[in-house]
Amino acid sequence: ESVNTKIRLLTRIAFGFKSPDALIALAMLSLGGHKPVLPGRD
C-alpha cells in the first residue's frame, strides 16, 4: 500500500521527464534501497 502511494508521488514529481527511463531510475533510487555515494561526501 505505501509503495503504491510512493510510486504515485514519484510519477507526479517526474511529470516533466522526457522518457520513462528517468522515472524508473528515480523509483529505483528512492525505493530500491541503493544509496550511491554522492560526489563531495565522505
PDB file of N, CA and C in Angstrom:
ATOM      1  N   GLU A   1       0.827  -1.198   0.000  1.00  0.00           N
ATOM      2  CA  GLU A   1       0.000   0.000   0.000  1.00  0.00           C
ATOM      3  C   GLU A   1       0.868   1.257   0.000  1.00  0.00           C
ATOM      4  N   SER A   2       1.848   1.300   0.878  1.00  0.00           N
ATOM      5  CA  SER A   2       2.671   2.507   0.941  1.00  0.00           C
ATOM      6  C   SER A   2       3.583   2.627  -0.278  1.00  0.00           C
ATOM      7  N   VAL A   3       3.999   1.498  -0.836  1.00  0.00           N
ATOM      8  CA  VAL A   3       4.847   1.548  -2.029  1.00  0.00           C
ATOM      9  C   VAL A   3       4.046   2.119  -3.196  1.00  0.00           C
ATOM     10  N   ASN A   4       2.793   1.743  -3.330  1.00  0.00           N
ATOM     11  CA  ASN A   4       1.947   2.280  -4.399  1.00  0.00           C
ATOM     12  C   ASN A   4       1.791   3.785  -4.256  1.00  0.00           C
ATOM     13  N   THR A   5       1.618   4.265  -3.032  1.00  0.00           N
ATOM     14  CA  THR A   5       1.489   5.697  -2.789  1.00  0.00           C
ATOM     15  C   THR A   5       2.783   6.427  -3.148  1.00  0.00           C
ATOM     16  N   LYS A   6       3.917   5.847  -2.800  1.00  0.00           N
ATOM     17  CA  LYS A   6       5.198   6.469  -3.122  1.00  0.00           C
ATOM     18  C   LYS A   6       5.423   6.504  -4.625  1.00  0.00           C
ATOM     19  N   ILE A   7       5.018   5.456  -5.330  1.00  0.00           N
ATOM     20  CA  ILE A   7       5.166   5.431  -6.787  1.00  0.00           C
ATOM     21  C   ILE A   7       4.258   6.481  -7.429  1.00  0.00           C
ATOM     22  N   ARG A   8       3.047   6.664  -6.910  1.00  0.00           N
ATOM     23  CA  ARG A   8       2.159   7.708  -7.425  1.00  0.00           C
ATOM     24  C   ARG A   8       2.769   9.094  -7.224  1.00  0.00           C
ATOM     25  N   LEU A   9       3.382   9.316  -6.068  1.00  0.00           N
ATOM     26  CA  LEU A   9       4.046  10.583  -5.797  1.00  0.00           C
ATOM     27  C   LEU A   9       5.213  10.798  -6.755  1.00  0.00           C
ATOM     28  N   LEU A  10       6.018   9.769  -6.975  1.00  0.00           N
ATOM     29  CA  LEU A  10       7.145   9.878  -7.898  1.00  0.00           C
ATOM     30  C   LEU A  10       6.672  10.163  -9.321  1.00  0.00           C
ATOM     31  N   THR A  11       5.552   9.595  -9.700  1.00  0.00           N
ATOM     32  CA  THR A  11       5.007   9.833 -11.032  1.00  0.00           C
ATOM     33  C   THR A  11       4.612  11.300 -11.191  1.00  0.00           C
ATOM     34  N   ARG A  12       4.051  11.888 -10.147  1.00  0.00           N
ATOM     35  CA  ARG A  12       3.713  13.319 -10.214  1.00  0.00           C
ATOM     36  C   ARG A  12       4.966  14.179 -10.248  1.00  0.00           C
ATOM     37  N   ILE A  13       5.992  13.792  -9.500  1.00  0.00           N
ATOM     38  CA  ILE A  13       7.253  14.536  -9.491  1.00  0.00           C
ATOM     39  C   ILE A  13       7.905  14.468 -10.874  1.00  0.00           C
ATOM     40  N   ALA A  14       7.819  13.313 -11.518  1.00  0.00           N
ATOM     41  CA  ALA A  14       8.512  13.078 -12.795  1.00  0.00           C
ATOM     42  C   ALA A  14       7.663  13.458 -13.999  1.00  0.00           C
ATOM     43  N   PHE A  15       6.658  14.284 -13.808  1.00  0.00           N
ATOM     44  CA  PHE A  15       5.736  14.611 -14.905  1.00  0.00           C
ATOM     45  C   PHE A  15       6.451  15.238 -16.097  1.00  0.00           C
ATOM     46  N   GLY A  16       7.481  16.049 -15.874  1.00  0.00           N
ATOM     47  CA  GLY A  16       8.154  16.722 -16.966  1.00  0.00           C
ATOM     48  C   GLY A  16       9.317  15.948 -17.570  1.00  0.00           C
ATOM     49  N   PHE A  17       9.573  14.739 -17.115  1.00  0.00           N
ATOM     50  CA  PHE A  17      10.688  13.955 -17.640  1.00  0.00           C
ATOM     51  C   PHE A  17      10.420  13.586 -19.089  1.00  0.00           C
ATOM     52  N   LYS A  18      11.485  13.511 -19.867  1.00  0.00           N
ATOM     53  CA  LYS A  18      11.355  13.240 -21.300  1.00  0.00           C
ATOM     54  C   LYS A  18      11.131  11.764 -21.613  1.00  0.00           C
ATOM     55  N   SER A  19      11.609  10.880 -20.737  1.00  0.00           N
ATOM     56  CA  SER A  19      11.479   9.452 -21.019  1.00  0.00           C
ATOM     57  C   SER A  19      11.056   8.713 -19.753  1.00  0.00           C
ATOM     58  N   PRO A  20      10.432   7.560 -19.916  1.00  0.00           N
ATOM     59  CA  PRO A  20      10.053   6.768 -18.736  1.00  0.00           C
ATOM     60  C   PRO A  20      11.260   6.179 -18.011  1.00  0.00           C
ATOM     61  N   ASP A  21      12.414   6.112 -18.685  1.00  0.00           N
ATOM     62  CA  ASP A  21      13.611   5.586 -18.031  1.00  0.00           C
ATOM     63  C   ASP A  21      14.021   6.447 -16.838  1.00  0.00           C
ATOM     64  N   ALA A  22      13.809   7.752 -16.937  1.00  0.00           N
ATOM     65  CA  ALA A  22      14.146   8.645 -15.832  1.00  0.00           C
ATOM     66  C   ALA A  22      13.240   8.374 -14.629  1.00  0.00           C
ATOM     67  N   LEU A  23      11.964   8.111 -14.873  1.00  0.00           N
ATOM     68  CA  LEU A  23      11.041   7.773 -13.782  1.00  0.00           C
ATOM     69  C   LEU A  23      11.435   6.449 -13.141  1.00  0.00           C
ATOM     70  N   ILE A  24      11.810   5.486 -13.948  1.00  0.00           N
ATOM     71  CA  ILE A  24      12.226   4.183 -13.420  1.00  0.00           C
ATOM     72  C   ILE A  24      13.487   4.334 -12.575  1.00  0.00           C
ATOM     73  N   ALA A  25      14.436   5.149 -13.050  1.00  0.00           N
ATOM     74  CA  ALA A  25      15.668   5.379 -12.290  1.00  0.00           C
ATOM     75  C   ALA A  25      15.367   6.075 -10.969  1.00  0.00           C
ATOM     76  N   LEU A  26      14.460   7.052 -10.980  1.00  0.00           N
ATOM     77  CA  LEU A  26      14.071   7.750  -9.757  1.00  0.00           C
ATOM     78  C   LEU A  26      13.414   6.790  -8.773  1.00  0.00           C
ATOM     79  N   ALA A  27      12.558   5.903  -9.262  1.00  0.00           N
ATOM     80  CA  ALA A  27      11.908   4.923  -8.394  1.00  0.00           C
ATOM     81  C   ALA A  27      12.913   3.938  -7.819  1.00  0.00           C
ATOM     82  N   MET A  28      13.861   3.507  -8.635  1.00  0.00           N
ATOM     83  CA  MET A  28      14.874   2.571  -8.140  1.00  0.00           C
ATOM     84  C   MET A  28      15.738   3.217  -7.062  1.00  0.00           C
ATOM     85  N   LEU A  29      16.100   4.486  -7.235  1.00  0.00           N
ATOM     86  CA  LEU A  29      16.926   5.168  -6.244  1.00  0.00           C
ATOM     87  C   LEU A  29      16.170   5.403  -4.943  1.00  0.00           C
ATOM     88  N   SER A  30      14.900   5.783  -5.041  1.00  0.00           N
ATOM     89  CA  SER A  30      14.175   6.125  -3.818  1.00  0.00           C
ATOM     90  C   SER A  30      13.570   4.907  -3.121  1.00  0.00           C
ATOM     91  N   LEU A  31      13.228   3.871  -3.864  1.00  0.00           N
ATOM     92  CA  LEU A  31      12.555   2.717  -3.258  1.00  0.00           C
ATOM     93  C   LEU A  31      13.418   1.455  -3.221  1.00  0.00           C
ATOM     94  N   GLY A  32      14.499   1.440  -3.987  1.00  0.00           N
ATOM     95  CA  GLY A  32      15.307   0.231  -4.116  1.00  0.00           C
ATOM     96  C   GLY A  32      16.288  -0.016  -2.990  1.00  0.00           C
ATOM     97  N   GLY A  33      16.524   0.999  -2.156  1.00  0.00           N
ATOM     98  CA  GLY A  33      17.454   0.819  -1.060  1.00  0.00           C
ATOM     99  C   GLY A  33      18.901   1.038  -1.432  1.00  0.00           C
ATOM    100  N   HIS A  34      19.166   1.364  -2.688  1.00  0.00           N
ATOM    101  CA  HIS A  34      20.539   1.615  -3.136  1.00  0.00           C
ATOM    102  C   HIS A  34      20.909   3.051  -2.782  1.00  0.00           C
ATOM    103  N   LYS A  35      21.983   3.224  -2.031  1.00  0.00           N
ATOM    104  CA  LYS A  35      22.425   4.547  -1.609  1.00  0.00           C
ATOM    105  C   LYS A  35      23.795   4.840  -2.200  1.00  0.00           C
ATOM    106  N   PRO A  36      23.865   5.406  -3.417  1.00  0.00           N
ATOM    107  CA  PRO A  36      25.162   5.687  -4.010  1.00  0.00           C
ATOM    108  C   PRO A  36      25.882   6.809  -3.256  1.00  0.00           C
ATOM    109  N   VAL A  37      27.196   6.774  -3.272  1.00  0.00           N
ATOM    110  CA  VAL A  37      27.982   7.806  -2.627  1.00  0.00           C
ATOM    111  C   VAL A  37      27.950   9.041  -3.521  1.00  0.00           C
ATOM    112  N   LEU A  38      27.536  10.164  -2.969  1.00  0.00           N
ATOM    113  CA  LEU A  38      27.443  11.379  -3.745  1.00  0.00           C
ATOM    114  C   LEU A  38      28.810  12.057  -3.811  1.00  0.00           C
ATOM    115  N   PRO A  39      29.073  12.746  -4.907  1.00  0.00           N
ATOM    116  CA  PRO A  39      30.360  13.440  -5.034  1.00  0.00           C
ATOM    117  C   PRO A  39      30.516  14.491  -3.932  1.00  0.00           C
ATOM    118  N   GLY A  40      31.713  14.565  -3.377  1.00  0.00           N
ATOM    119  CA  GLY A  40      31.971  15.561  -2.356  1.00  0.00           C
ATOM    120  C   GLY A  40      31.603  15.126  -0.948  1.00  0.00           C
ATOM    121  N   ARG A  41      31.044  13.929  -0.813  1.00  0.00           N
ATOM    122  CA  ARG A  41      30.662  13.416   0.506  1.00  0.00           C
ATOM    123  C   ARG A  41      31.544  12.219   0.866  1.00  0.00           C
ATOM    124  N   ASP A  42      31.941  12.148   2.116  1.00  0.00           N
ATOM    125  CA  ASP A  42      32.787  11.026   2.554  1.00  0.00           C
ATOM    126  C   ASP A  42      32.003   9.975   3.284  1.00  0.00           C
TER     127      ASP A  42
END
